[in-house]
């Protein structure tokens, strides 16, 4: 399964990932640095390996 998070810079794609998949609180995302270009992560979710792509 693949999920692609696409949006303008600074709109919160990495924060969304962190809250949903990495179990961080919204307050924890305030210190995240912006993603440069793109990033790929693999994460187990509901028994599946999910590829998550940030653009």
PDB file of N, CA and C in Angstrom:
ATOM      1  N   UNK A   1       0.849  -1.168   0.000  1.00  0.00           N
ATOM      2  CA  UNK A   1       0.000   0.000   0.000  1.00  0.00           C
ATOM      3  C   UNK A   1       0.893   1.228   0.000  1.00  0.00           C
ATOM      4  N   UNK A   2       0.494   2.246  -0.746  1.00  0.00           N
ATOM      5  CA  UNK A   2       1.247   3.501  -0.803  1.00  0.00           C
ATOM      6  C   UNK A   2       0.317   4.665  -0.503  1.00  0.00           C
ATOM      7  N   UNK A   3       0.862   5.621   0.229  1.00  0.00           N
ATOM      8  CA  UNK A   3       0.151   6.856   0.525  1.00  0.00           C
ATOM      9  C   UNK A   3       1.062   7.995   0.107  1.00  0.00           C
ATOM     10  N   UNK A   4       0.526   8.953  -0.613  1.00  0.00           N
ATOM     11  CA  UNK A   4       1.299  10.114  -1.024  1.00  0.00           C
ATOM     12  C   UNK A   4       0.681  11.363  -0.402  1.00  0.00           C
ATOM     13  N   UNK A   5       1.493  12.111   0.325  1.00  0.00           N
ATOM     14  CA  UNK A   5       1.054  13.372   0.918  1.00  0.00           C
ATOM     15  C   UNK A   5       1.607  14.501   0.058  1.00  0.00           C
ATOM     16  N   UNK A   6       0.728  15.225  -0.616  1.00  0.00           N
ATOM     17  CA  UNK A   6       1.133  16.260  -1.548  1.00  0.00           C
ATOM     18  C   UNK A   6       0.492  17.580  -1.144  1.00  0.00           C
ATOM     19  N   UNK A   7       1.259  18.644  -1.159  1.00  0.00           N
ATOM     20  CA  UNK A   7       0.715  19.953  -0.832  1.00  0.00           C
ATOM     21  C   UNK A   7       1.799  21.006  -0.855  1.00  0.00           C
ATOM     22  N   UNK A   8       1.399  22.233  -0.684  1.00  0.00           N
ATOM     23  CA  UNK A   8       2.336  23.348  -0.652  1.00  0.00           C
ATOM     24  C   UNK A   8       3.275  23.220   0.542  1.00  0.00           C
ATOM     25  N   UNK A   9       4.444  23.825   0.419  1.00  0.00           N
ATOM     26  CA  UNK A   9       5.391  23.844   1.514  1.00  0.00           C
ATOM     27  C   UNK A   9       4.803  24.518   2.740  1.00  0.00           C
ATOM     28  N   UNK A  10       5.012  23.921   3.893  1.00  0.00           N
ATOM     29  CA  UNK A  10       4.540  24.510   5.139  1.00  0.00           C
ATOM     30  C   UNK A  10       3.081  24.262   5.454  1.00  0.00           C
ATOM     31  N   UNK A  11       2.421  23.362   4.698  1.00  0.00           N
ATOM     32  CA  UNK A  11       0.989  23.138   4.948  1.00  0.00           C
ATOM     33  C   UNK A  11       0.729  22.064   5.994  1.00  0.00           C
ATOM     34  N   UNK A  12       1.764  21.316   6.426  1.00  0.00           N
ATOM     35  CA  UNK A  12       1.586  20.372   7.524  1.00  0.00           C
ATOM     36  C   UNK A  12       1.623  18.899   7.161  1.00  0.00           C
ATOM     37  N   UNK A  13       2.214  18.533   6.029  1.00  0.00           N
ATOM     38  CA  UNK A  13       2.271  17.129   5.621  1.00  0.00           C
ATOM     39  C   UNK A  13       3.070  16.299   6.615  1.00  0.00           C
ATOM     40  N   UNK A  14       4.243  16.778   7.019  1.00  0.00           N
ATOM     41  CA  UNK A  14       5.071  16.051   7.971  1.00  0.00           C
ATOM     42  C   UNK A  14       4.388  16.002   9.338  1.00  0.00           C
ATOM     43  N   UNK A  15       3.731  17.057   9.719  1.00  0.00           N
ATOM     44  CA  UNK A  15       2.998  17.070  10.992  1.00  0.00           C
ATOM     45  C   UNK A  15       1.858  16.056  10.972  1.00  0.00           C
ATOM     46  N   UNK A  16       1.152  15.979   9.868  1.00  0.00           N
ATOM     47  CA  UNK A  16       0.070  15.008   9.723  1.00  0.00           C
ATOM     48  C   UNK A  16       0.610  13.589   9.862  1.00  0.00           C
ATOM     49  N   UNK A  17       1.702  13.297   9.173  1.00  0.00           N
ATOM     50  CA  UNK A  17       2.334  11.982   9.301  1.00  0.00           C
ATOM     51  C   UNK A  17       2.707  11.696  10.756  1.00  0.00           C
ATOM     52  N   UNK A  18       3.329  12.653  11.405  1.00  0.00           N
ATOM     53  CA  UNK A  18       3.814  12.455  12.769  1.00  0.00           C
ATOM     54  C   UNK A  18       2.686  12.147  13.747  1.00  0.00           C
ATOM     55  N   UNK A  19       1.557  12.800  13.602  1.00  0.00           N
ATOM     56  CA  UNK A  19       0.429  12.580  14.509  1.00  0.00           C
ATOM     57  C   UNK A  19      -0.259  11.249  14.213  1.00  0.00           C
ATOM     58  N   UNK A  20      -0.477  10.939  12.935  1.00  0.00           N
ATOM     59  CA  UNK A  20      -1.235   9.738  12.573  1.00  0.00           C
ATOM     60  C   UNK A  20      -0.399   8.473  12.692  1.00  0.00           C
ATOM     61  N   UNK A  21       0.822   8.483  12.174  1.00  0.00           N
ATOM     62  CA  UNK A  21       1.616   7.260  12.103  1.00  0.00           C
ATOM     63  C   UNK A  21       2.687   7.148  13.178  1.00  0.00           C
ATOM     64  N   UNK A  22       3.292   8.234  13.598  1.00  0.00           N
ATOM     65  CA  UNK A  22       4.391   8.188  14.556  1.00  0.00           C
ATOM     66  C   UNK A  22       3.934   8.442  15.987  1.00  0.00           C
ATOM     67  N   UNK A  23       2.639   8.568  16.199  1.00  0.00           N
ATOM     68  CA  UNK A  23       2.035   8.708  17.534  1.00  0.00           C
ATOM     69  C   UNK A  23       2.571   9.886  18.338  1.00  0.00           C
ATOM     70  N   UNK A  24       2.848  10.991  17.661  1.00  0.00           N
ATOM     71  CA  UNK A  24       3.239  12.212  18.354  1.00  0.00           C
ATOM     72  C   UNK A  24       1.995  13.047  18.613  1.00  0.00           C
ATOM     73  N   UNK A  25       2.101  13.947  19.555  1.00  0.00           N
ATOM     74  CA  UNK A  25       0.989  14.858  19.820  1.00  0.00           C
ATOM     75  C   UNK A  25       1.136  16.076  18.901  1.00  0.00           C
ATOM     76  N   UNK A  26       0.053  16.785  18.633  1.00  0.00           N
ATOM     77  CA  UNK A  26       0.174  17.995  17.807  1.00  0.00           C
ATOM     78  C   UNK A  26       1.184  19.001  18.371  1.00  0.00           C
ATOM     79  N   UNK A  27       1.311  19.061  19.683  1.00  0.00           N
ATOM     80  CA  UNK A  27       2.280  19.981  20.277  1.00  0.00           C
ATOM     81  C   UNK A  27       3.710  19.569  19.943  1.00  0.00           C
ATOM     82  N   UNK A  28       3.968  18.250  19.787  1.00  0.00           N
ATOM     83  CA  UNK A  28       5.306  17.773  19.444  1.00  0.00           C
ATOM     84  C   UNK A  28       5.723  18.189  18.041  1.00  0.00           C
ATOM     85  N   UNK A  29       4.766  18.455  17.172  1.00  0.00           N
ATOM     86  CA  UNK A  29       5.095  18.773  15.778  1.00  0.00           C
ATOM     87  C   UNK A  29       5.557  20.212  15.586  1.00  0.00           C
ATOM     88  N   UNK A  30       5.427  21.032  16.597  1.00  0.00           N
ATOM     89  CA  UNK A  30       5.844  22.432  16.471  1.00  0.00           C
ATOM     90  C   UNK A  30       7.348  22.566  16.260  1.00  0.00           C
ATOM     91  N   UNK A  31       8.124  21.581  16.704  1.00  0.00           N
ATOM     92  CA  UNK A  31       9.577  21.662  16.584  1.00  0.00           C
ATOM     93  C   UNK A  31      10.123  20.944  15.351  1.00  0.00           C
ATOM     94  N   UNK A  32       9.262  20.410  14.479  1.00  0.00           N
ATOM     95  CA  UNK A  32       9.720  19.709  13.284  1.00  0.00           C
ATOM     96  C   UNK A  32      10.278  20.684  12.264  1.00  0.00           C
ATOM     97  N   UNK A  33      11.339  20.254  11.596  1.00  0.00           N
ATOM     98  CA  UNK A  33      11.879  21.085  10.517  1.00  0.00           C
ATOM     99  C   UNK A  33      11.186  20.697   9.214  1.00  0.00           C
ATOM    100  N   UNK A  34      11.144  21.607   8.249  1.00  0.00           N
ATOM    101  CA  UNK A  34      10.455  21.304   6.988  1.00  0.00           C
ATOM    102  C   UNK A  34      11.189  20.240   6.185  1.00  0.00           C
ATOM    103  N   UNK A  35      10.431  19.468   5.415  1.00  0.00           N
ATOM    104  CA  UNK A  35      10.998  18.463   4.521  1.00  0.00           C
ATOM    105  C   UNK A  35      11.525  19.161   3.268  1.00  0.00           C
ATOM    106  N   UNK A  36      12.755  18.846   2.887  1.00  0.00           N
ATOM    107  CA  UNK A  36      13.366  19.423   1.695  1.00  0.00           C
ATOM    108  C   UNK A  36      13.183  18.441   0.529  1.00  0.00           C
ATOM    109  N   UNK A  37      12.682  18.924  -0.596  1.00  0.00           N
ATOM    110  CA  UNK A  37      12.388  18.140  -1.796  1.00  0.00           C
ATOM    111  C   UNK A  37      11.348  17.065  -1.502  1.00  0.00           C
ATOM    112  N   UNK A  38      11.759  15.828  -1.281  1.00  0.00           N
ATOM    113  CA  UNK A  38      10.791  14.776  -0.974  1.00  0.00           C
ATOM    114  C   UNK A  38      11.408  13.807   0.015  1.00  0.00           C
ATOM    115  N   UNK A  39      10.578  12.997   0.621  1.00  0.00           N
ATOM    116  CA  UNK A  39      11.029  12.029   1.606  1.00  0.00           C
ATOM    117  C   UNK A  39      10.142  10.797   1.497  1.00  0.00           C
ATOM    118  N   UNK A  40      10.736   9.632   1.698  1.00  0.00           N
ATOM    119  CA  UNK A  40       9.999   8.374   1.663  1.00  0.00           C
ATOM    120  C   UNK A  40      10.201   7.660   2.984  1.00  0.00           C
ATOM    121  N   UNK A  41       9.115   7.147   3.538  1.00  0.00           N
ATOM    122  CA  UNK A  41       9.191   6.372   4.781  1.00  0.00           C
ATOM    123  C   UNK A  41       8.335   5.127   4.637  1.00  0.00           C
ATOM    124  N   UNK A  42       8.760   4.048   5.260  1.00  0.00           N
ATOM    125  CA  UNK A  42       7.961   2.829   5.307  1.00  0.00           C
ATOM    126  C   UNK A  42       7.522   2.657   6.752  1.00  0.00           C
ATOM    127  N   UNK A  43       6.270   2.320   6.924  1.00  0.00           N
ATOM    128  CA  UNK A  43       5.706   2.262   8.266  1.00  0.00           C
ATOM    129  C   UNK A  43       4.671   1.147   8.344  1.00  0.00           C
ATOM    130  N   UNK A  44       4.728   0.313   9.402  1.00  0.00           N
ATOM    131  CA  UNK A  44       3.672  -0.691   9.561  1.00  0.00           C
ATOM    132  C   UNK A  44       2.379  -0.024  10.022  1.00  0.00           C
ATOM    133  N   UNK A  45       1.273  -0.396   9.410  1.00  0.00           N
ATOM    134  CA  UNK A  45      -0.023   0.172   9.777  1.00  0.00           C
ATOM    135  C   UNK A  45      -1.091  -0.867   9.512  1.00  0.00           C
ATOM    136  N   UNK A  46      -1.844  -1.231  10.526  1.00  0.00           N
ATOM    137  CA  UNK A  46      -2.913  -2.224  10.430  1.00  0.00           C
ATOM    138  C   UNK A  46      -2.421  -3.530   9.813  1.00  0.00           C
ATOM    139  N   UNK A  47      -1.217  -3.953  10.183  1.00  0.00           N
ATOM    140  CA  UNK A  47      -0.660  -5.204   9.687  1.00  0.00           C
ATOM    141  C   UNK A  47      -0.079  -5.144   8.295  1.00  0.00           C
ATOM    142  N   UNK A  48      -0.027  -3.989   7.676  1.00  0.00           N
ATOM    143  CA  UNK A  48       0.529  -3.821   6.335  1.00  0.00           C
ATOM    144  C   UNK A  48       1.755  -2.937   6.388  1.00  0.00           C
ATOM    145  N   UNK A  49       2.673  -3.125   5.445  1.00  0.00           N
ATOM    146  CA  UNK A  49       3.793  -2.189   5.289  1.00  0.00           C
ATOM    147  C   UNK A  49       3.328  -1.082   4.358  1.00  0.00           C
ATOM    148  N   UNK A  50       3.289   0.122   4.848  1.00  0.00           N
ATOM    149  CA  UNK A  50       2.789   1.268   4.071  1.00  0.00           C
ATOM    150  C   UNK A  50       3.964   2.141   3.673  1.00  0.00           C
ATOM    151  N   UNK A  51       4.070   2.449   2.386  1.00  0.00           N
ATOM    152  CA  UNK A  51       5.052   3.406   1.898  1.00  0.00           C
ATOM    153  C   UNK A  51       4.410   4.785   1.901  1.00  0.00           C
ATOM    154  N   UNK A  52       5.047   5.746   2.559  1.00  0.00           N
ATOM    155  CA  UNK A  52       4.492   7.096   2.655  1.00  0.00           C
ATOM    156  C   UNK A  52       5.476   8.043   1.983  1.00  0.00           C
ATOM    157  N   UNK A  53       4.976   8.802   1.016  1.00  0.00           N
ATOM    158  CA  UNK A  53       5.790   9.702   0.224  1.00  0.00           C
ATOM    159  C   UNK A  53       5.353  11.136   0.470  1.00  0.00           C
ATOM    160  N   UNK A  54       6.315  11.995   0.824  1.00  0.00           N
ATOM    161  CA  UNK A  54       6.056  13.417   1.047  1.00  0.00           C
ATOM    162  C   UNK A  54       6.568  14.166  -0.170  1.00  0.00           C
ATOM    163  N   UNK A  55       5.739  14.985  -0.804  1.00  0.00           N
ATOM    164  CA  UNK A  55       6.153  15.776  -1.968  1.00  0.00           C
ATOM    165  C   UNK A  55       5.894  17.237  -1.689  1.00  0.00           C
TER     166      UNK A  55
END
